[in-house]
Structure formats: C-alpha cells, structure tokens
Amino acid sequence: MGIAVAGMDSLSDRASMMREALQKSQTITHNVVSILGSFDSRLSALETAMRPTQIRTHAIRKAHENIDKSLKSAEVILAQFDLSRQAEAKILKGPHEDLEGYLGAIDQLRSNIRFFSSNKNFKNSEGVINHSNTLLAKAISKLEDEFKQRLNSYSKPIEPDRLFDGLPNSLRPSSGSPGNQGEPGGRGPSHNHSEHQNVDLETAVYTPPTLIPPRIMPLLHDLAKQMVRAGHNQQLLKIYKGTRSLVLEESLRKLGVEKLGKDDVQKMQWEVLEAKIRNWIHFMRIAVKLLFAGERKVCDEMFEGFDSLSDQCFAEVTASSVSVLLSFGEAIARRKRSPEKLFVLLDMYEIMRELHSEIETIFKGKACNEIRESALGLTKRLAQTAQETFGDFEEAVEKDATKTAVPDGTVRPLTSNVINYVKFLFDYQSTLTQLFQEFETGDGTVSQLASVTMRIMQALQTNLDGKSKQYRDPALTHLFLMNNIHYMVRSVRRSEAKDLLGDDWVQRHRRIVQQHANQYKRNAWQKILQCLSIQGLTSSGGGSSVGDGGNSSGVSRALIKDRFKIFNMQFEELHQRQSQWTVPDTELRESLRLAVAEVLLPAYRSFLKRFGPLVENGKNPQKYVKYTAEDLERLLGEFFEGNNINEPKR
C-alpha cells in the first residue's frame, strides 16, 4: 500500500514538470512570433520608403536607352545624307570618266529613295525623296546618251571576208565576192547539186562572228539594266534598233544583198536572175547562220534577265533585213512559171528547209512570230510553185511545139533535156521527199516521185511518136525512135531512175528499141534485097541467055545487068542518104551496121557468085559489078556518121 502511494506521487511530480515545460515553450513561441511580426512591419516600411528611388532609377535607364537609339538613328540618317551627297557628286560629274562609279551612284541613289520612303516620319523625308528622284531622272537621261554613244562606237558592219571565215571550207569563195561571181567556188545549185553535199552542209560547223567586243558587253548590259529598272524600255528599244538595224543592213549590203522588188524581178532576164538566185541561197545561209545568229547572241547577253525585251529588240533589229531577203524569194516564187526554173526553185526550197530549225530557234519568242510565219510561208510557197512546175513540165514535154524534125534522126535536144531533167530529180530526192510531204495525199513520197518520173517519160514518148510522123522516109522514122528511146533506156540504166522505174520498164523499152531497129532494117533494105533475089530472072526471050546447065541456066544476061544496075543505084542512094543519118551511140551504131551487113553481104555474095560471071564475060563488066562484098562492108562502115557525102568511092 505504501509502495503504491509512493508511485502515484512520483507520476504526479512528473506530470507537473511536463506542464511547466509546455507553458514555457508556448511562451517562447509567442515571443518569437511577436518578434517576427515586428520585422515584417519594418520591412514593409522600408520597401515603401525605397519605391520612389526605384522608379527614378528605371526612368533614368529608359532615358539612356532612348538616347542611344536616337543617336543610332541619327547616325544612319546622317550616313544616308552623306552617301546621297557622294552619289550626287558622281552623278553631276557624269558617266564619262568613271562609268562603273556612275552606275554605283545610281544604285545608291535608288537605295536612298527606298530608305527615306520607309522613314517618312523624318520631317525632311519628302524633300529628300523629291530631290533624289529629280537627280535620278537626270542620271538616267545621261545614261541613255552614254548607252547610245557606247553602242554606236562598238557597232560596225561586218566585212564579207570576216563572214566567209565563219563558213565551212566547202562554201568559202575561192576568189572575188559572191555578189559578183555567184556561189563560192563556182558552185551553182542547178548545175552541181548532190545529196551527199547537202548532208555535208547540214552537219558543217558555222562560226558566227563577234559583233561587239566581249569586254564591252558586261558594261552595256549594266547600262541597259539601269534603263530597264528606270522604266525606260521604249527609249532603250529605240536606241538599240536605230543602231543595230542599220549596221546589220550595211553588213548585208557589203555582202552583196540587193533590195529587189517584184517588179525588178519580173523585168530581169532569166540568166541574170538565175545568178542572183544562187547568190540569194548563199546569202540566206550567211544571214541566218552567221549574222542573225550573232545578233541573237548579242541581244541575249545584253538583255540577260529580260527575255521579252531581248526578243523584241532582236525582232525589230532584224525585221528589215529579213524582209529584204524573204521578199526576193517571194518574188521568185510568184514569178511566171516555166520548166527550166524548177531546179532553182528546188534549191531555194531546200535552203529554206535547211534553215527551218535554226530560224525557229534564233527567232524565238512572241515578238518574232511574224518573221517565223513569213519564213514558213515562203517555204510553202516555193513548194507549191515547184509542185505546179512539175505539171507544167509534163505538159510542155507532151505538147512541145517544135515543128522542125532533126534531119539526121539523131537524139532530139528535147530528149536529152528531159532525161537530164529526170536525172536531176534524183539529185534532189530527199528534197523532193520533203516537198511531196507538204502536199501529202495518201501515197508514199517514193511512189509519188516514181509516178512523176513515169508521167514525164510517157509524155516524152508521146512527143517522140508525134515528131516521128514528120519524116517522109519510114526508115528514118524508126531510126529516130530507135535513137531516142535507146537514149532514154541507156540514161535510166546509168542513173538512180532505174531503181524507181524498175527493171520491167528498162526491159520493155529495150524491146521497143529492138523493134524499131528491125522496122528500120525492113523499111530501108527490103527493096534492095529484092534486087538480089532470083525471082523474075527467068528468060523472057529478049537478049542473050546462058544455057550451060550451070546455076545461071536460063537466066537473061540483060536482066542480070539490069539487076546489078538497080542494086548499084539503090545502094548509092542509101549510102548517100544514110551516111548523113546519125546513130550517136557507138555500140548501137555498130550493132545496127552489123545487123544490116548480116543480111546484105551474104545475099550479095551469093548473087555475085551465081550471076557475076554472066556480066564479067560481057562488055564493060565494071559498069555493072561495081562493088565487091568487101567494098560494101567498108561503105556500110560510113553509115550513120552524120557525114555529108555525095558519092561513094571504091
């Protein structure tokens, strides 16, 4: 019991101690809170006291920043004024001494205008802008004068020799000017044309001349660019056209190009005109491949970055020169047609086809549309005229009005002309292929050429048949046809026409030649061969006869003498006449003589052997037996030589 009471007392003491400790802790906490509250009040008071100072400090800092910005803006404006004064000084000085500096001053002036236009809050901006624009206008005006002066200084006509240096070797003149001597090297398109040569020309290298020195081009480009930026396109175009077009025209004039109108062309003799056409073909090559190509290069470099302006300048510079060249071509194409003009028309058509792709490339752009269309129009006009001339030629051959027959039965000039004409057609085969494609009607171009050739040959044969009727002697009629058709066959066999007309045509006409040779033999020699037959040689009781049982038994000597006299007379007539006839082909002439000899000489030998003794045993035998077989053979060798022989000689 005592122990329990003692324990309770102990616990009570401890609890009392803990209550005292807690009270002390609360008192300390209260004191600390009071102290901290006092600090907060003091800090708030301090902050309130310092706020006016902070505001003043911030204001001072902002003021400093604004002053810095204003100073920098002032520096920029002052710098622009300084640059403007420098630019003005250079512009007032003019472009002559320092063109590059002058161009730089114009750029600076434009920069200043942009600057003050974007800083209009500056009170003097409007005045500065107006002053700069006035100065810029004066600068561009001086620039135009400078551009014109520089362009004039470096724009000179190109001498013909410089142009010839840019041609392939095959087209360079050997001597003299093509304006006086036709195409270079004496090359005439209607006389020396070949497909191979055309291929060479198409792949040949042409070197356009340098029209303006390369070192000057960048400067002219800069001048042109400044004028374009100032909106002076029309002034630029006027200056460029006025200078370059005259230079181009003078270059062509020096080359030999003439301004010939339709009336001039109509009045000219064909021989003179043909030479001018050959020159025109050469001039077209030089103009397009050298002069116009060079002019296009100048335009592209000078107006780089301004394609439409470049095209317009080029079109206006070349328009007059192109017109002079194409007008001549048009006048020729519209001139009265005649067959002999076909090949120069084909030459002209050929050069226009050759230049077509280059014309399309050089004269590119909308501004050159009219020039391209004019060139294409001339090409089509030439094709049409050539096509129509084919028909004219065919008709002219068939209806040839020549009334005088060749007296010796030789090949007519018309025949050789037509055959040469046909052979020339094959020299132009690729050109004709292009031409027929212009008027394609469904047939292949090769068959069209074959058809044209066949019709021309048929027209010639129809003409020959008509002309053969002018001969009174049927033998000469057949000799004439034999000669002319043989010439046609031989010429075709030796040319490309054989591939087109075919072996059947050749063989068929060779048979026709043989038929006329046989008809000639029959008509010329049948009568004289009858003198050597035994028909009608029976004894009629008149004159003496021989009855020795030989081959001449019962034959009247008088009849034999008469036969020999008739034979001699007829042979001499044949010799006299047919020695003046002509078979111009050596092989045909020899074969015809041989064919005559093969029927005449055996018959004569047989007759002479059988009946010669009757005459030789009588009086004056040489009066009747005038020729040996060898004499006849020798005299036959004089036939068809076109000689003037009155009497045969033993």
Foldseek 3Di string as FASTA:
>chain_A
DVVVVVVVVVVVVVVVVVVVVVVVVVVVVVVVVVVVVVVVVVVVVVVVVCVVVVVVVVVVVVVVVVVVVVVVVVVVVVVLVVLLVVLLVLLVVACPPPVVVVLVSLVSLVVSLVVLVVVVVPPCSVVSNVVSVVSNVSSLVSLLVVLLVVLQVFAAADAVVQLLVQADPVFRAPDDACLPQFTHPNDAQVPDFFPVVLVCRLPDGGDADQRGDPVCQVVLLSSVVSCVVVVNLVSVLVSLQVRLLVSLVVNLVNNNQDQDALVNLQPDDPVVVSRVLRSLLVSVCSCLVHVLQNLLVSLCSSNPPPVQSSLQSSCSSCVVVLCSSLRSLVSVLPHDAELVCLSSLLSVLSSLVSCLVSCCVSNDDPNSVVSNVSSVVSSLSSLVSSVVSLVVLLVCLLPVPDQDADQQLAADPSLVVLLVVLQVCVSCVVSQQVSCVSVPDPDHSLLVNLVSNVSSVVSNLNNLLVNLVSDPQLLSSLSNVLNSLVVNLVSCVVGPVCVSPDPVVSVVSVVSSVVSLVSSLCRLCVVLLVLLDCPPQADPPPADADQPVALRHRGHLVSNLVSLVVNVVSVFVCLQSQLQHARPDPVVLVVSLVVNLVSPLVSVVVSCVRNVVSLVVDPPSCVRCVDDSVLSSVSSVSGRNSDRDNGDDD
